[in-house]
Amino acid sequence: MFFLIKNMLSKNKKVVFLIALPILLFSMISFVSADCSSDQIIMRISAATNAHGELWNGAGGYSTVICYSTIFGYSYTGTNQHDCTGTNKVVGLSASTNAHAEKPESTSYGTTANVCYGALQCQSASACPSDYKEVVRLYSDTNAHLESTDGTGGYSVKICCKGTVLKTATWTDMTGTIITTSDLNDTVKLVVLGEGMEGSEVDFTVYKDVAFWWDTKIATLSGIASTMWQANQAGNFYFKAKIVDTSQEIQSGTLAVSSSVSNTPPVAVITKPANGALINMPSASVSVSFGQASYDSDDTSLINYTWDFGDGNITILGAGSGNTTHNYTSSGPKYISLTVKDARGSTSSTDEIGILLNGTGNDAPLAIISNPENTQHFSGGSIWFNGTLSKDDKTPFENLTFTWEFDTGTPYIANGMAGAYFEKTFSAGDHYVILTVNDNDDSS
């Protein structure tokens, strides 16, 4: 069954039925490991404190290993991890082994024995920022002994690093929902997630999977962690994403694009004012701001926003934010609707809200059904009805009279919460309901 909700007039007042409706903390202290693969070793030190340092492959074979995967909780998957790029210095060493160290900002030792790793961005500090991990400690800014993060020397210069690493590559629709299929001519998103990627530019390359032949490059795109692509041919596709100026690359799963065109309608969403809002109208007019967050799952933009302000005035906006204001010159309940259209011409269903403009006289109450939704389908016969967003500018809620008229016979009439929230059982089929709200002054 489903419910059909309609606007009705009662005593020259409009009555509306409204379609309504873990913080993960990381606290790692010790980041040394004797069980660390060579591609994850940042550097080695000779002891847990009062130590000399050496490069990851230094001749000293120091046993205290500063390990990337132990520090960050995942393995670095890029290539040429230990190459210095100019931005990934961890510390400077006086020699490749048996060395003193200096903080990454210093250049006293030149560049011949710099410790560099992957896409790390490092700085020295007395305490590491929340988005950085402590990697190693120095006794002083330069010419310093080193200790591990659990060393007992209390060394004050902490080397703090944050990694930039790709973890996942997925296809999503325009709302961010992960997808594996798409219709022809839909616009989809290519999204990569990772650690420390804020502001990182990514190159994306889309390939078509061609059976028994070389895969075909379809498009080359770029963006900050994501980009868009219109699926303008059928087939199976994947993309590769590479952080610019790094060796890190990741490949997505397959997106199967059908040969049929099916434009999913956009969704209209009114965000402001709140449904059931009471807005004071102390003078002959009041300006009300309207906001929306409408969206389309398979197109890049909306080209048309149609606002009906419930007082006989309609505004049609073109592509843009879709937000607007309207000047009301009469008080009482107003029922506002929004419809949107996408770039391929598909139109949304209508989103609606009700507001009550509180004037100086006796205005009719605002009547709102927030449950069930308009045309909502049910698998069982027992349904809860909710009209608790209804209100009056002067009559207390508990004194309002709710009259619910059903197509099944006798109306349900009660005051306050008993009248606004109740359960009713129906037989299978389509049904409709009408709500009228009366105040103490017999306005409805």
Protein backbone atom coordinates (compact mmCIF):
# COMPACT_ATOMS: atom_id res chain seq x y z
CA MET A 1 0.00 0.00 0.00
CA PHE A 2 1.02 3.60 -0.22
CA PHE A 3 -0.31 6.89 1.13
CA LEU A 4 -1.26 9.79 -1.06
CA ILE A 5 -0.88 13.10 0.76
CA LYS A 6 -2.59 16.20 -0.63
CA ASN A 7 -2.99 19.89 0.21
CA MET A 8 -6.55 20.78 1.27
CA LEU A 9 -8.47 23.98 2.06
CA SER A 10 -10.55 24.24 5.21
CA LYS A 11 -12.35 27.44 6.22
CA ASN A 12 -10.37 29.36 3.59
CA LYS A 13 -7.12 28.27 5.23
CA LYS A 14 -4.69 25.94 3.51
CA VAL A 15 -3.76 22.72 5.25
CA VAL A 16 -0.64 20.96 4.08
CA PHE A 17 0.69 17.45 4.09
CA LEU A 18 4.44 17.54 4.15
CA ILE A 19 6.77 14.94 2.79
CA ALA A 20 9.20 14.69 5.57
CA LEU A 21 11.26 12.72 6.75
CA PRO A 22 34.17 6.70 15.67
CA ILE A 23 36.51 8.85 16.53
CA LEU A 24 39.62 6.84 15.87
CA LEU A 25 42.55 7.96 17.92
CA PHE A 26 46.09 6.88 17.29
CA SER A 27 48.59 7.09 20.08
CA MET A 28 51.77 5.30 19.15
CA ILE A 29 54.72 5.67 21.47
CA SER A 30 57.41 3.21 20.41
CA PHE A 31 58.24 3.02 16.72
CA VAL A 32 61.35 0.88 16.54
CA SER A 33 61.39 -2.59 15.10
CA ALA A 34 63.87 -5.34 14.52
CA ASP A 35 61.37 -7.07 12.22
CA CYS A 36 61.06 -4.55 9.39
CA SER A 37 61.51 -5.24 5.69
CA SER A 38 64.25 -3.23 4.01
CA ASP A 39 61.79 -1.21 1.92
CA GLN A 40 60.12 0.05 5.13
CA ILE A 41 63.33 1.04 6.97
CA ILE A 42 63.70 4.81 7.32
CA MET A 43 67.06 4.68 9.13
CA ARG A 44 68.96 2.77 11.83
CA ILE A 45 70.43 3.89 15.17
CA SER A 46 73.02 2.17 17.32
CA ALA A 47 70.94 2.02 20.54
CA ALA A 48 67.64 3.16 22.02
CA THR A 49 69.32 6.31 23.45
CA ASN A 50 72.67 8.16 23.29
CA ALA A 51 73.01 6.66 19.82
CA HIS A 52 74.76 7.29 16.56
CA GLY A 53 72.80 7.03 13.34
CA GLU A 54 73.21 5.52 9.92
CA LEU A 55 71.35 5.28 6.64
CA TRP A 56 68.87 2.44 6.10
CA ASN A 57 71.63 0.40 4.43
CA GLY A 58 74.55 1.74 6.46
CA ALA A 59 77.63 -0.45 6.92
CA GLY A 60 77.30 -0.49 10.71
CA GLY A 61 74.29 -2.83 10.63
CA TYR A 62 72.74 -1.06 13.65
CA SER A 63 70.01 -3.15 15.20
CA THR A 64 67.59 -0.43 16.30
CA VAL A 65 65.45 0.11 13.21
CA ILE A 66 63.21 3.13 12.60
CA CYS A 67 60.43 1.47 10.60
CA TYR A 68 57.81 3.25 8.46
CA SER A 69 55.14 0.53 8.65
CA THR A 70 55.46 0.33 12.45
CA ILE A 71 55.17 4.08 12.87
CA PHE A 72 52.25 4.71 10.51
CA GLY A 73 50.41 1.41 10.82
CA TYR A 74 50.57 0.52 7.13
CA SER A 75 53.26 -0.17 4.56
CA TYR A 76 54.58 2.38 2.13
CA THR A 77 53.95 1.03 -1.37
CA GLY A 78 55.78 3.56 -3.53
CA THR A 79 59.05 2.81 -5.27
CA ASN A 80 62.51 4.31 -4.68
CA GLN A 81 61.60 4.95 -1.06
CA HIS A 82 65.02 6.17 -0.03
CA ASP A 83 65.59 8.67 -2.84
CA CYS A 84 65.75 12.30 -1.75
CA THR A 85 63.25 14.48 -3.59
CA GLY A 86 63.96 17.77 -1.87
CA THR A 87 60.82 17.56 0.26
CA ASN A 88 61.15 14.20 2.07
CA LYS A 89 64.17 14.75 4.35
CA VAL A 90 63.84 13.17 7.79
CA VAL A 91 67.21 14.12 9.33
CA GLY A 92 70.66 15.02 8.09
CA LEU A 93 73.60 12.78 9.05
CA SER A 94 77.27 13.67 9.28
CA ALA A 95 78.14 10.40 7.52
CA SER A 96 76.44 7.31 6.18
CA THR A 97 77.19 5.43 9.43
CA ASN A 98 78.52 6.14 12.94
CA ALA A 99 77.05 9.60 12.50
CA HIS A 100 75.70 12.54 14.44
CA ALA A 101 72.41 14.03 13.24
CA GLU A 102 70.71 17.37 12.66
CA LYS A 103 67.08 18.35 12.30
CA PRO A 104 65.58 18.38 8.76
CA GLU A 105 65.51 22.18 8.61
CA SER A 106 69.30 22.38 9.05
CA THR A 107 71.85 22.06 6.21
CA SER A 108 75.21 21.98 8.05
CA TYR A 109 75.97 18.45 6.85
CA GLY A 110 75.16 19.08 3.20
CA THR A 111 73.21 16.47 1.28
CA THR A 112 75.51 13.46 0.98
CA ALA A 113 74.08 11.58 3.97
CA ASN A 114 70.53 12.85 4.28
CA VAL A 115 67.94 10.39 5.54
CA CYS A 116 64.99 10.62 3.15
CA TYR A 117 61.94 8.46 2.78
CA GLY A 118 58.99 8.19 0.40
CA ALA A 119 56.60 11.11 0.55
CA LEU A 120 57.26 12.01 4.18
CA GLN A 121 57.03 15.63 5.23
CA CYS A 122 59.08 16.18 8.38
CA GLN A 123 59.77 18.97 10.85
CA SER A 124 61.34 19.35 14.27
CA ALA A 125 59.28 20.30 17.30
CA SER A 126 59.17 19.96 21.06
CA ALA A 127 55.79 18.24 20.62
CA CYS A 128 54.44 16.78 17.39
CA PRO A 129 51.24 18.25 15.87
CA SER A 130 48.21 15.98 15.98
CA ASP A 131 48.48 15.00 12.31
CA TYR A 132 52.19 14.08 12.57
CA LYS A 133 53.91 11.00 13.97
CA GLU A 134 57.06 11.13 16.09
CA VAL A 135 59.81 9.24 14.22
CA VAL A 136 63.03 9.79 16.20
CA ARG A 137 64.52 12.23 18.74
CA LEU A 138 67.68 14.37 18.74
CA TYR A 139 69.61 15.68 21.71
CA SER A 140 70.03 19.08 19.99
CA ASP A 141 69.30 20.78 16.68
CA THR A 142 72.61 19.73 15.13
CA ASN A 143 75.70 17.60 15.89
CA ALA A 144 73.36 15.51 17.99
CA HIS A 145 73.06 12.01 19.34
CA LEU A 146 69.78 10.25 18.65
CA GLU A 147 67.28 8.15 20.54
CA SER A 148 64.17 6.21 19.65
CA THR A 149 60.72 7.42 20.60
CA ASP A 150 60.77 5.21 23.69
CA GLY A 151 64.32 6.19 24.64
CA THR A 152 64.97 7.15 28.26
CA GLY A 153 67.26 10.11 27.57
CA GLY A 154 64.44 12.62 27.38
CA TYR A 155 65.84 14.20 24.20
CA SER A 156 63.86 17.36 23.48
CA VAL A 157 64.10 17.72 19.68
CA LYS A 158 61.42 15.50 18.22
CA ILE A 159 61.41 14.71 14.52
CA CYS A 160 57.76 14.75 13.48
CA CYS A 161 56.63 13.41 10.10
CA LYS A 162 53.42 12.87 8.25
CA GLY A 163 53.10 10.48 5.38
CA THR A 164 51.33 10.88 2.08
CA VAL A 165 50.29 7.46 0.89
CA LEU A 166 47.54 6.12 -1.34
CA LYS A 167 45.30 3.50 0.27
CA THR A 168 42.19 3.07 -1.86
CA ALA A 169 40.97 3.97 -5.34
CA THR A 170 37.24 3.72 -6.01
CA TRP A 171 34.54 4.75 -8.45
CA THR A 172 31.64 6.69 -6.93
CA ASP A 173 28.53 8.41 -8.18
CA MET A 174 28.25 12.18 -7.78
CA THR A 175 26.97 11.82 -4.22
CA GLY A 176 30.05 9.84 -3.13
CA THR A 177 28.39 6.41 -3.06
CA ILE A 178 30.80 3.68 -4.20
CA ILE A 179 29.66 2.06 -7.46
CA THR A 180 30.76 -0.78 -9.73
CA THR A 181 28.26 -0.16 -12.56
CA SER A 182 27.10 2.88 -14.50
CA ASP A 183 24.84 3.75 -17.40
CA LEU A 184 26.11 5.23 -20.63
CA ASN A 185 26.70 9.02 -20.45
CA ASP A 186 26.54 9.10 -16.65
CA THR A 187 29.13 11.28 -14.93
CA VAL A 188 31.10 9.44 -12.24
CA LYS A 189 33.83 10.31 -9.77
CA LEU A 190 37.31 8.82 -9.49
CA VAL A 191 38.28 8.99 -5.83
CA VAL A 192 41.49 8.11 -3.99
CA LEU A 193 41.91 8.04 -0.24
CA GLY A 194 45.10 7.92 1.75
CA GLU A 195 47.15 9.26 4.60
CA GLY A 196 48.29 12.89 4.67
CA MET A 197 46.83 13.67 1.25
CA GLU A 198 45.43 17.09 2.09
CA GLY A 199 46.08 19.30 -0.95
CA SER A 200 47.97 16.59 -2.86
CA GLU A 201 47.44 16.71 -6.60
CA VAL A 202 46.76 13.37 -8.25
CA ASP A 203 47.05 12.34 -11.90
CA PHE A 204 44.29 9.95 -13.02
CA THR A 205 44.39 7.77 -16.12
CA VAL A 206 41.28 5.89 -17.25
CA TYR A 207 41.75 2.62 -19.14
CA LYS A 208 39.33 0.41 -21.01
CA ASP A 209 39.80 -3.28 -20.30
CA VAL A 210 40.09 -4.93 -23.73
CA ALA A 211 39.97 -8.72 -23.73
CA PHE A 212 42.86 -10.47 -25.47
CA TRP A 213 44.53 -7.15 -26.30
CA TRP A 214 46.35 -4.21 -24.77
CA ASP A 215 44.12 -2.10 -22.51
CA THR A 216 43.24 1.23 -24.11
CA LYS A 217 43.96 4.58 -22.46
CA ILE A 218 40.70 6.55 -22.53
CA ALA A 219 41.33 9.74 -20.57
CA THR A 220 43.99 11.56 -18.56
CA LEU A 221 42.67 13.75 -15.76
CA SER A 222 43.90 15.45 -12.61
CA GLY A 223 42.50 16.69 -9.34
CA ILE A 224 42.98 17.04 -5.61
CA ALA A 225 42.22 13.45 -4.50
CA SER A 226 39.31 13.15 -6.96
CA THR A 227 38.12 14.04 -10.42
CA MET A 228 35.11 13.42 -12.70
CA TRP A 229 34.66 11.49 -15.93
CA GLN A 230 31.67 11.04 -18.21
CA ALA A 231 31.21 7.40 -19.14
CA ASN A 232 30.70 8.06 -22.84
CA GLN A 233 31.29 4.52 -24.09
CA ALA A 234 30.22 1.08 -22.93
CA GLY A 235 32.63 -1.50 -21.54
CA ASN A 236 34.71 -2.29 -18.49
CA PHE A 237 36.99 0.45 -17.18
CA TYR A 238 39.54 1.01 -14.42
CA PHE A 239 41.79 3.90 -13.51
CA LYS A 240 45.28 4.38 -12.17
CA ALA A 241 46.01 7.24 -9.78
CA LYS A 242 49.46 8.65 -9.06
CA ILE A 243 50.37 11.38 -6.59
CA VAL A 244 52.19 14.07 -8.53
CA ASP A 245 55.95 14.18 -7.97
CA THR A 246 55.98 10.81 -6.19
CA SER A 247 56.28 7.20 -7.28
CA GLN A 248 53.05 6.22 -5.56
CA GLU A 249 50.43 4.73 -7.83
CA ILE A 250 47.28 2.74 -7.15
CA GLN A 251 44.73 1.03 -9.38
CA SER A 252 40.97 0.97 -8.95
CA GLY A 253 38.54 -1.87 -9.43
CA THR A 254 36.36 -2.24 -12.51
CA LEU A 255 33.48 0.00 -13.51
CA ALA A 256 31.08 -1.73 -15.88
CA VAL A 257 29.37 0.82 -18.15
CA SER A 258 26.21 -0.46 -19.83
CA SER A 259 25.22 0.41 -23.39
CA SER A 260 21.88 1.88 -22.27
CA VAL A 261 21.21 5.49 -21.27
CA SER A 262 19.22 5.99 -18.07
CA ASN A 263 19.28 9.45 -16.53
CA THR A 264 18.48 9.20 -12.81
CA PRO A 265 16.35 12.18 -11.76
CA PRO A 266 17.93 14.69 -9.37
CA VAL A 267 16.75 15.07 -5.78
CA ALA A 268 15.42 18.37 -4.43
CA VAL A 269 16.35 19.09 -0.80
CA ILE A 270 15.27 22.20 1.15
CA THR A 271 17.64 22.90 4.07
CA LYS A 272 16.47 26.32 5.28
CA PRO A 273 14.28 27.33 7.02
CA ALA A 274 13.57 24.24 9.10
CA ASN A 275 10.34 22.40 8.45
CA GLY A 276 7.74 23.74 10.89
CA ALA A 277 9.70 26.94 11.63
CA LEU A 278 7.89 29.79 13.41
CA ILE A 279 9.06 33.13 11.97
CA ASN A 280 8.02 36.41 13.60
CA MET A 281 6.48 39.02 11.32
CA PRO A 282 6.35 42.21 13.40
CA SER A 283 5.55 44.51 10.47
CA ALA A 284 3.69 44.39 7.18
CA SER A 285 6.36 42.27 5.50
CA VAL A 286 9.23 39.93 6.30
CA SER A 287 12.12 38.64 4.18
CA VAL A 288 12.84 34.90 4.53
CA SER A 289 16.01 33.16 3.32
CA PHE A 290 15.71 29.78 1.63
CA GLY A 291 18.57 27.29 1.31
CA GLN A 292 18.86 23.99 -0.50
CA ALA A 293 21.28 21.07 -0.91
CA SER A 294 19.77 19.39 -3.95
CA TYR A 295 21.90 16.89 -5.82
CA ASP A 296 22.14 14.60 -8.83
CA SER A 297 23.80 11.18 -8.61
CA ASP A 298 24.81 10.95 -12.29
CA ASP A 299 25.24 14.50 -13.60
CA THR A 300 27.69 17.27 -12.80
CA SER A 301 25.25 20.09 -12.22
CA LEU A 302 21.68 21.27 -11.83
CA ILE A 303 20.50 23.89 -14.30
CA ASN A 304 17.13 24.90 -12.90
CA TYR A 305 15.63 25.52 -9.45
CA THR A 306 11.90 26.27 -9.18
CA TRP A 307 10.75 27.69 -5.83
CA ASP A 308 7.04 27.99 -5.01
CA PHE A 309 6.75 30.18 -1.89
CA GLY A 310 3.15 29.29 -1.04
CA ASP A 311 1.76 32.80 -1.48
CA GLY A 312 1.19 32.74 -5.22
CA ASN A 313 4.77 33.68 -6.08
CA ILE A 314 7.19 31.40 -7.95
CA THR A 315 10.89 32.01 -8.63
CA ILE A 316 12.92 30.08 -11.20
CA LEU A 317 16.70 30.19 -10.83
CA GLY A 318 19.31 29.03 -13.33
CA ALA A 319 22.52 27.12 -12.65
CA GLY A 320 24.22 28.27 -9.47
CA SER A 321 23.72 27.91 -5.77
CA GLY A 322 19.92 27.68 -5.95
CA ASN A 323 19.54 29.61 -2.68
CA THR A 324 17.25 32.60 -2.58
CA THR A 325 15.17 34.98 -0.44
CA HIS A 326 11.50 35.91 -0.60
CA ASN A 327 9.55 38.85 0.83
CA TYR A 328 6.19 37.90 2.39
CA THR A 329 3.45 40.49 2.87
CA SER A 330 0.91 38.28 4.64
CA SER A 331 1.19 36.20 7.81
CA GLY A 332 -0.02 32.70 8.59
CA PRO A 333 1.00 29.24 7.37
CA LYS A 334 3.04 29.06 4.15
CA TYR A 335 3.83 25.87 2.27
CA ILE A 336 7.01 26.02 0.20
CA SER A 337 8.10 23.62 -2.51
CA LEU A 338 11.29 23.16 -4.57
CA THR A 339 11.78 21.29 -7.84
CA VAL A 340 15.12 20.98 -9.67
CA LYS A 341 16.23 19.94 -13.17
CA ASP A 342 19.56 18.43 -14.21
CA ALA A 343 21.76 19.16 -17.25
CA ARG A 344 20.18 16.31 -19.25
CA GLY A 345 16.65 17.58 -18.65
CA SER A 346 15.43 15.23 -15.92
CA THR A 347 13.25 16.83 -13.22
CA SER A 348 13.14 15.90 -9.55
CA SER A 349 10.21 15.12 -7.36
CA THR A 350 9.16 18.04 -5.17
CA ASP A 351 10.54 18.72 -1.70
CA GLU A 352 8.18 20.64 0.59
CA ILE A 353 8.27 22.38 3.94
CA GLY A 354 5.77 24.36 5.98
CA ILE A 355 6.49 27.55 7.96
CA LEU A 356 4.30 29.76 10.13
CA LEU A 357 4.68 33.53 9.81
CA ASN A 358 3.65 34.94 13.19
CA GLY A 359 1.81 38.20 12.54
CA THR A 360 -0.07 40.50 14.89
CA GLY A 361 -3.48 38.96 14.24
CA ASN A 362 -4.96 35.51 14.72
CA ASP A 363 -3.39 33.30 12.08
CA ALA A 364 -4.45 29.79 11.14
CA PRO A 365 -2.35 26.95 12.60
CA LEU A 366 0.35 25.23 10.59
CA ALA A 367 -0.60 21.60 9.76
CA ILE A 368 2.20 19.19 8.88
CA ILE A 369 2.29 15.41 8.44
CA SER A 370 5.89 14.25 8.81
CA ASN A 371 5.04 10.54 8.83
CA PRO A 372 4.11 8.69 6.69
CA GLU A 373 5.82 10.25 3.69
CA ASN A 374 3.84 11.05 0.58
CA THR A 375 3.32 7.89 -1.55
CA GLN A 376 5.32 5.84 0.96
CA HIS A 377 4.95 2.08 0.58
CA PHE A 378 4.41 -0.26 3.53
CA SER A 379 4.70 -4.02 3.81
CA GLY A 380 2.51 -4.23 6.94
CA GLY A 381 -0.85 -2.78 7.82
CA SER A 382 0.09 -0.93 11.05
CA ILE A 383 1.28 2.65 10.48
CA TRP A 384 2.31 5.44 12.84
CA PHE A 385 1.09 8.95 12.02
CA ASN A 386 3.09 11.99 13.13
CA GLY A 387 1.82 15.56 13.03
CA THR A 388 3.98 16.90 15.87
CA LEU A 389 5.56 19.62 13.71
CA SER A 390 2.16 21.30 13.51
CA LYS A 391 1.84 24.48 15.58
CA ASP A 392 -0.04 27.72 16.20
CA ASP A 393 1.33 31.18 16.94
CA LYS A 394 -0.83 31.64 20.05
CA THR A 395 -2.51 28.37 21.07
CA PRO A 396 -0.35 25.91 23.09
CA PHE A 397 0.30 22.61 21.35
CA GLU A 398 -1.65 20.59 23.92
CA ASN A 399 -4.77 22.67 23.16
CA LEU A 400 -4.67 22.18 19.39
CA THR A 401 -7.28 19.85 17.92
CA PHE A 402 -6.10 17.38 15.29
CA THR A 403 -8.65 15.96 12.85
CA TRP A 404 -7.40 13.13 10.65
CA GLU A 405 -9.71 12.11 7.80
CA PHE A 406 -9.08 8.73 6.14
CA ASP A 407 -10.53 7.08 3.10
CA THR A 408 -11.42 4.15 5.35
CA GLY A 409 -14.24 5.76 7.31
CA THR A 410 -14.48 7.48 10.71
CA PRO A 411 -12.06 10.42 11.29
CA TYR A 412 -9.67 10.37 14.24
CA ILE A 413 -9.99 13.50 16.43
CA ALA A 414 -7.92 14.28 19.52
CA ASN A 415 -6.02 17.12 21.20
CA GLY A 416 -2.29 17.64 21.75
CA MET A 417 0.11 14.72 21.56
CA ALA A 418 -2.70 12.16 21.50
CA GLY A 419 -4.00 13.80 18.33
CA ALA A 420 -0.59 14.36 16.73
CA TYR A 421 0.99 10.94 17.21
CA PHE A 422 -0.89 7.64 16.97
CA GLU A 423 -1.01 4.24 15.26
CA LYS A 424 -3.64 2.97 12.84
CA THR A 425 -4.08 -0.33 10.98
CA PHE A 426 -5.09 -0.54 7.31
CA SER A 427 -6.01 -3.20 4.83
CA ALA A 428 -3.86 -3.73 1.75
CA GLY A 429 -4.27 -1.14 -1.00
CA ASP A 430 -3.80 2.57 -1.61
CA HIS A 431 -5.01 5.04 1.00
CA TYR A 432 -5.04 8.78 1.60
CA VAL A 433 -5.25 11.00 4.68
CA ILE A 434 -6.13 14.64 5.33
CA LEU A 435 -5.08 16.54 8.47
CA THR A 436 -6.79 19.66 9.75
CA VAL A 437 -5.53 21.51 12.84
CA ASN A 438 -7.80 23.86 14.82
CA ASP A 439 -6.79 26.38 17.49
CA ASN A 440 -8.82 27.80 20.40
CA ASP A 441 -10.13 30.58 18.19
CA ASP A 442 -11.61 28.11 15.73
CA SER A 443 -9.05 28.94 13.03
CA SER A 444 -7.85 25.96 11.00
